[in-house]
């Protein structure tokens, strides 16, 4: 029996090392024999590791600080959009006032 098989509890770091070896293409059966862990346990670690990776890549999070920052970002983007529209309207008014655009023709009352 190898030294690793006598370990009762595996740290996350050690599990990660085994999972990375699996993902790099090492044989599940060979790693099972080497570590003394059943192949089903190693497969479970691999699946949990990959599932955790997917969760880490998701945009949304349960962290209230992140949620607050995302709300603030949306508010800031709305404000910038409003300011850009105001700026464009003011530029059009200035251009009309300075004669760059003709004023619309008005109808006179008969």
N, C-alpha and C. Protein backbone atom coordinates (compact mmCIF):
# COMPACT_ATOMS: atom_id res chain seq x y z
N UNK A 1 0.83 -1.18 0.00
CA UNK A 1 0.00 0.00 0.00
C UNK A 1 0.88 1.25 0.00
N UNK A 2 0.50 2.24 -0.79
CA UNK A 2 1.30 3.46 -0.86
C UNK A 2 0.98 4.36 0.31
N UNK A 3 1.84 5.33 0.51
CA UNK A 3 1.69 6.29 1.61
C UNK A 3 0.40 7.09 1.45
N UNK A 4 0.04 7.46 0.20
CA UNK A 4 -1.15 8.28 -0.05
C UNK A 4 -2.42 7.56 0.34
N UNK A 5 -2.47 6.24 0.19
CA UNK A 5 -3.70 5.51 0.47
C UNK A 5 -4.02 5.48 1.96
N UNK A 6 -3.03 5.72 2.82
CA UNK A 6 -3.28 5.70 4.26
C UNK A 6 -3.89 7.00 4.75
N UNK A 7 -3.96 8.01 3.90
CA UNK A 7 -4.54 9.29 4.28
C UNK A 7 -6.05 9.14 4.34
N UNK A 8 -6.65 9.52 5.46
CA UNK A 8 -8.09 9.41 5.64
C UNK A 8 -8.83 10.60 5.01
N UNK A 9 -8.28 11.77 5.18
CA UNK A 9 -8.95 12.98 4.72
C UNK A 9 -8.06 13.67 3.68
N UNK A 10 -8.67 14.07 2.58
CA UNK A 10 -7.94 14.71 1.51
C UNK A 10 -8.22 16.21 1.54
N UNK A 11 -7.17 17.00 1.45
CA UNK A 11 -7.34 18.46 1.37
C UNK A 11 -7.82 18.83 -0.03
N UNK A 12 -8.40 20.00 -0.13
CA UNK A 12 -8.86 20.49 -1.44
C UNK A 12 -7.68 20.59 -2.40
N UNK A 13 -6.55 20.98 -1.90
CA UNK A 13 -5.35 21.12 -2.74
C UNK A 13 -4.94 19.77 -3.33
N UNK A 14 -4.94 18.74 -2.49
CA UNK A 14 -4.55 17.40 -2.97
C UNK A 14 -5.57 16.86 -3.96
N UNK A 15 -6.86 17.10 -3.69
CA UNK A 15 -7.90 16.67 -4.63
C UNK A 15 -7.71 17.38 -5.97
N UNK A 16 -7.40 18.67 -5.90
CA UNK A 16 -7.19 19.45 -7.12
C UNK A 16 -6.04 18.87 -7.94
N UNK A 17 -4.97 18.51 -7.28
CA UNK A 17 -3.83 17.94 -8.00
C UNK A 17 -4.22 16.67 -8.75
N UNK A 18 -5.00 15.81 -8.09
CA UNK A 18 -5.43 14.56 -8.72
C UNK A 18 -6.37 14.86 -9.89
N UNK A 19 -7.30 15.78 -9.69
CA UNK A 19 -8.24 16.14 -10.75
C UNK A 19 -7.51 16.72 -11.95
N UNK A 20 -6.54 17.58 -11.70
CA UNK A 20 -5.77 18.16 -12.82
C UNK A 20 -5.01 17.09 -13.58
N UNK A 21 -4.52 16.10 -12.87
CA UNK A 21 -3.85 14.99 -13.55
C UNK A 21 -4.84 14.23 -14.43
N UNK A 22 -6.06 14.04 -13.92
CA UNK A 22 -7.10 13.40 -14.73
C UNK A 22 -7.39 14.21 -15.99
N UNK A 23 -7.54 15.51 -15.80
CA UNK A 23 -7.87 16.38 -16.92
C UNK A 23 -6.74 16.46 -17.94
N UNK A 24 -5.53 16.22 -17.50
CA UNK A 24 -4.38 16.22 -18.42
C UNK A 24 -4.25 14.89 -19.16
N UNK A 25 -5.13 13.93 -18.83
CA UNK A 25 -5.16 12.70 -19.60
C UNK A 25 -4.63 11.46 -18.91
N UNK A 26 -4.26 11.57 -17.65
CA UNK A 26 -3.80 10.36 -16.95
C UNK A 26 -4.98 9.41 -16.76
N UNK A 27 -4.68 8.14 -16.69
CA UNK A 27 -5.70 7.11 -16.59
C UNK A 27 -6.41 7.17 -15.24
N UNK A 28 -7.74 7.07 -15.29
CA UNK A 28 -8.54 7.07 -14.07
C UNK A 28 -8.19 5.84 -13.23
N UNK A 29 -8.07 4.70 -13.88
CA UNK A 29 -7.76 3.47 -13.15
C UNK A 29 -6.37 3.55 -12.49
N UNK A 30 -5.40 4.08 -13.23
CA UNK A 30 -4.05 4.19 -12.67
C UNK A 30 -4.02 5.14 -11.48
N UNK A 31 -4.71 6.27 -11.59
CA UNK A 31 -4.76 7.21 -10.47
C UNK A 31 -5.52 6.61 -9.28
N UNK A 32 -6.54 5.83 -9.57
CA UNK A 32 -7.29 5.17 -8.51
C UNK A 32 -6.39 4.21 -7.74
N UNK A 33 -5.61 3.42 -8.47
CA UNK A 33 -4.68 2.50 -7.80
C UNK A 33 -3.62 3.26 -7.02
N UNK A 34 -3.08 4.33 -7.63
CA UNK A 34 -2.01 5.09 -6.98
C UNK A 34 -2.49 5.77 -5.70
N UNK A 35 -3.67 6.34 -5.75
CA UNK A 35 -4.16 7.13 -4.60
C UNK A 35 -4.92 6.29 -3.59
N UNK A 36 -5.38 5.10 -4.00
CA UNK A 36 -6.17 4.27 -3.11
C UNK A 36 -7.62 4.71 -3.03
N UNK A 37 -8.01 5.62 -3.88
CA UNK A 37 -9.39 6.10 -3.92
C UNK A 37 -10.14 5.37 -5.03
N UNK A 38 -11.39 5.01 -4.81
CA UNK A 38 -12.17 4.37 -5.87
C UNK A 38 -12.31 5.31 -7.08
N UNK A 39 -12.40 4.72 -8.26
CA UNK A 39 -12.53 5.50 -9.48
C UNK A 39 -13.77 6.39 -9.43
N UNK A 40 -14.84 5.91 -8.80
CA UNK A 40 -16.07 6.70 -8.70
C UNK A 40 -15.83 7.97 -7.88
N UNK A 41 -15.02 7.87 -6.84
CA UNK A 41 -14.71 9.04 -6.01
C UNK A 41 -13.90 10.05 -6.82
N UNK A 42 -12.92 9.56 -7.55
CA UNK A 42 -12.10 10.46 -8.38
C UNK A 42 -12.95 11.12 -9.47
N UNK A 43 -13.85 10.36 -10.07
CA UNK A 43 -14.75 10.93 -11.08
C UNK A 43 -15.64 12.00 -10.46
N UNK A 44 -16.10 11.74 -9.25
CA UNK A 44 -16.93 12.73 -8.55
C UNK A 44 -16.16 14.01 -8.28
N UNK A 45 -14.90 13.87 -7.86
CA UNK A 45 -14.07 15.06 -7.62
C UNK A 45 -13.92 15.86 -8.91
N UNK A 46 -13.68 15.13 -10.02
CA UNK A 46 -13.51 15.79 -11.32
C UNK A 46 -14.78 16.54 -11.70
N UNK A 47 -15.93 15.89 -11.55
CA UNK A 47 -17.20 16.52 -11.90
C UNK A 47 -17.47 17.76 -11.04
N UNK A 48 -17.20 17.65 -9.74
CA UNK A 48 -17.40 18.79 -8.84
C UNK A 48 -16.46 19.94 -9.20
N UNK A 49 -15.24 19.59 -9.54
CA UNK A 49 -14.25 20.60 -9.93
C UNK A 49 -14.71 21.35 -11.17
N UNK A 50 -15.17 20.61 -12.18
CA UNK A 50 -15.63 21.24 -13.41
C UNK A 50 -16.89 22.05 -13.18
N UNK A 51 -17.79 21.56 -12.35
CA UNK A 51 -19.02 22.30 -12.04
C UNK A 51 -18.68 23.61 -11.32
N UNK A 52 -17.72 23.56 -10.41
CA UNK A 52 -17.29 24.77 -9.72
C UNK A 52 -16.66 25.76 -10.67
N UNK A 53 -15.95 25.26 -11.67
CA UNK A 53 -15.35 26.14 -12.67
C UNK A 53 -16.40 26.86 -13.49
N UNK A 54 -17.47 26.15 -13.84
CA UNK A 54 -18.56 26.77 -14.59
C UNK A 54 -19.22 27.85 -13.74
N UNK A 55 -19.44 27.55 -12.47
CA UNK A 55 -20.06 28.53 -11.58
C UNK A 55 -19.19 29.78 -11.44
N UNK A 56 -17.89 29.58 -11.42
CA UNK A 56 -16.99 30.73 -11.29
C UNK A 56 -17.02 31.62 -12.53
N UNK A 57 -17.34 31.02 -13.68
CA UNK A 57 -17.36 31.78 -14.92
C UNK A 57 -18.69 32.46 -15.19
N UNK A 58 -19.70 32.14 -14.39
CA UNK A 58 -20.99 32.79 -14.58
C UNK A 58 -20.89 34.25 -14.21
N UNK A 59 -21.65 35.08 -14.91
CA UNK A 59 -21.60 36.53 -14.70
C UNK A 59 -22.22 36.92 -13.37
N UNK A 60 -23.32 36.32 -13.04
CA UNK A 60 -24.05 36.72 -11.83
C UNK A 60 -23.45 36.06 -10.60
N UNK A 61 -23.59 36.74 -9.50
CA UNK A 61 -23.08 36.22 -8.25
C UNK A 61 -24.05 36.58 -7.13
N UNK A 62 -23.92 35.90 -6.02
CA UNK A 62 -24.78 36.18 -4.87
C UNK A 62 -24.15 37.22 -3.94
N UNK A 63 -22.98 37.69 -4.28
CA UNK A 63 -22.28 38.66 -3.43
C UNK A 63 -23.02 40.00 -3.46
N UNK A 64 -23.48 40.50 -2.31
CA UNK A 64 -24.23 41.76 -2.31
C UNK A 64 -23.39 42.96 -2.76
N UNK A 65 -22.10 42.91 -2.55
CA UNK A 65 -21.24 44.01 -3.00
C UNK A 65 -21.22 44.08 -4.53
N UNK A 66 -21.13 42.92 -5.16
CA UNK A 66 -21.11 42.87 -6.62
C UNK A 66 -22.46 43.34 -7.17
N UNK A 67 -23.54 42.88 -6.55
CA UNK A 67 -24.88 43.30 -6.99
C UNK A 67 -25.04 44.81 -6.87
N UNK A 68 -24.54 45.39 -5.78
CA UNK A 68 -24.64 46.85 -5.60
C UNK A 68 -23.81 47.58 -6.65
N UNK A 69 -22.64 47.06 -6.96
CA UNK A 69 -21.81 47.69 -7.99
C UNK A 69 -22.45 47.58 -9.37
N UNK A 70 -23.09 46.45 -9.66
CA UNK A 70 -23.77 46.31 -10.95
C UNK A 70 -24.94 47.28 -11.06
N UNK A 71 -25.69 47.48 -9.96
CA UNK A 71 -26.79 48.46 -9.97
C UNK A 71 -26.24 49.87 -10.21
N UNK A 72 -25.16 50.20 -9.54
CA UNK A 72 -24.55 51.52 -9.70
C UNK A 72 -24.06 51.72 -11.12
N UNK A 73 -23.50 50.68 -11.72
CA UNK A 73 -23.03 50.76 -13.10
C UNK A 73 -24.20 51.00 -14.06
N UNK A 74 -25.31 50.27 -13.87
CA UNK A 74 -26.49 50.49 -14.72
C UNK A 74 -27.00 51.92 -14.57
N UNK A 75 -27.03 52.44 -13.34
CA UNK A 75 -27.50 53.81 -13.10
C UNK A 75 -26.57 54.80 -13.79
N UNK A 76 -25.27 54.59 -13.69
CA UNK A 76 -24.30 55.49 -14.32
C UNK A 76 -24.45 55.46 -15.85
N UNK A 77 -24.68 54.29 -16.41
CA UNK A 77 -24.86 54.20 -17.86
C UNK A 77 -26.11 54.95 -18.31
N UNK A 78 -27.19 54.84 -17.52
CA UNK A 78 -28.41 55.60 -17.85
C UNK A 78 -28.14 57.10 -17.81
N UNK A 79 -27.42 57.54 -16.78
CA UNK A 79 -27.10 58.96 -16.66
C UNK A 79 -26.26 59.45 -17.84
N UNK A 80 -25.28 58.66 -18.22
CA UNK A 80 -24.43 59.03 -19.36
C UNK A 80 -25.28 59.12 -20.63
N UNK A 81 -26.19 58.16 -20.81
CA UNK A 81 -27.08 58.20 -21.97
C UNK A 81 -27.93 59.45 -21.99
N UNK A 82 -28.50 59.81 -20.82
CA UNK A 82 -29.31 61.02 -20.73
C UNK A 82 -28.48 62.27 -21.04
N UNK A 83 -27.28 62.31 -20.50
CA UNK A 83 -26.42 63.47 -20.75
C UNK A 83 -26.02 63.57 -22.22
N UNK A 84 -25.79 62.44 -22.87
CA UNK A 84 -25.44 62.46 -24.29
C UNK A 84 -26.62 62.99 -25.12
N UNK A 85 -27.84 62.58 -24.77
CA UNK A 85 -29.01 63.10 -25.50
C UNK A 85 -29.15 64.60 -25.29
N UNK A 86 -28.99 65.06 -24.05
CA UNK A 86 -29.06 66.49 -23.77
C UNK A 86 -28.01 67.26 -24.58
N UNK A 87 -26.81 66.73 -24.63
CA UNK A 87 -25.72 67.36 -25.36
C UNK A 87 -26.07 67.48 -26.84
N UNK A 88 -26.58 66.40 -27.42
CA UNK A 88 -26.93 66.42 -28.85
C UNK A 88 -28.05 67.43 -29.12
N UNK A 89 -29.04 67.49 -28.24
CA UNK A 89 -30.12 68.46 -28.42
C UNK A 89 -29.60 69.90 -28.32
N UNK A 90 -28.72 70.14 -27.37
CA UNK A 90 -28.14 71.48 -27.23
C UNK A 90 -27.30 71.84 -28.45
N UNK A 91 -26.54 70.90 -28.97
CA UNK A 91 -25.74 71.17 -30.16
C UNK A 91 -26.64 71.51 -31.35
N UNK A 92 -27.79 70.82 -31.47
CA UNK A 92 -28.72 71.13 -32.56
C UNK A 92 -29.31 72.53 -32.39
N UNK A 93 -29.65 72.88 -31.16
CA UNK A 93 -30.20 74.22 -30.92
C UNK A 93 -29.17 75.30 -31.23
N UNK A 94 -27.94 75.08 -30.83
CA UNK A 94 -26.88 76.05 -31.10
C UNK A 94 -26.67 76.18 -32.60
N UNK A 95 -26.65 75.05 -33.29
CA UNK A 95 -26.46 75.08 -34.75
C UNK A 95 -27.59 75.85 -35.42
N UNK A 96 -28.81 75.65 -34.98
CA UNK A 96 -29.94 76.40 -35.55
C UNK A 96 -29.79 77.88 -35.26
N UNK A 97 -29.43 78.18 -34.03
CA UNK A 97 -29.29 79.57 -33.62
C UNK A 97 -28.19 80.29 -34.41
N UNK A 98 -27.13 79.57 -34.70
CA UNK A 98 -26.02 80.17 -35.44
C UNK A 98 -26.22 80.08 -36.95
N UNK A 99 -27.36 79.56 -37.38
CA UNK A 99 -27.69 79.57 -38.79
C UNK A 99 -27.16 78.40 -39.58
N UNK A 100 -26.64 77.39 -38.92
CA UNK A 100 -26.14 76.24 -39.67
C UNK A 100 -27.29 75.40 -40.21
N UNK A 101 -28.40 75.35 -39.52
CA UNK A 101 -29.58 74.64 -39.98
C UNK A 101 -30.69 75.67 -40.18
N UNK A 102 -31.43 75.54 -41.25
CA UNK A 102 -32.54 76.49 -41.42
C UNK A 102 -33.63 76.21 -40.41
N UNK A 103 -34.26 77.28 -39.98
CA UNK A 103 -35.38 77.11 -39.07
C UNK A 103 -36.54 76.51 -39.84
N UNK A 104 -37.38 75.75 -39.19
CA UNK A 104 -38.53 75.20 -39.90
C UNK A 104 -39.47 76.33 -40.31
N UNK A 105 -40.07 76.17 -41.46
CA UNK A 105 -41.01 77.18 -41.96
C UNK A 105 -42.27 77.14 -41.10
N UNK A 106 -42.72 78.34 -40.77
CA UNK A 106 -43.93 78.44 -39.96
C UNK A 106 -45.06 78.93 -40.83
N UNK A 107 -46.19 78.43 -40.51
CA UNK A 107 -47.36 78.92 -41.24
C UNK A 107 -47.87 80.20 -40.61
N UNK A 108 -48.24 81.11 -41.42
CA UNK A 108 -48.83 82.33 -40.86
C UNK A 108 -50.34 82.16 -40.80
N UNK A 109 -50.92 82.78 -39.81
CA UNK A 109 -52.37 82.68 -39.69
C UNK A 109 -53.04 83.63 -40.66
N UNK A 110 -54.03 83.17 -41.44
CA UNK A 110 -54.68 84.05 -42.43
C UNK A 110 -55.63 85.04 -41.81
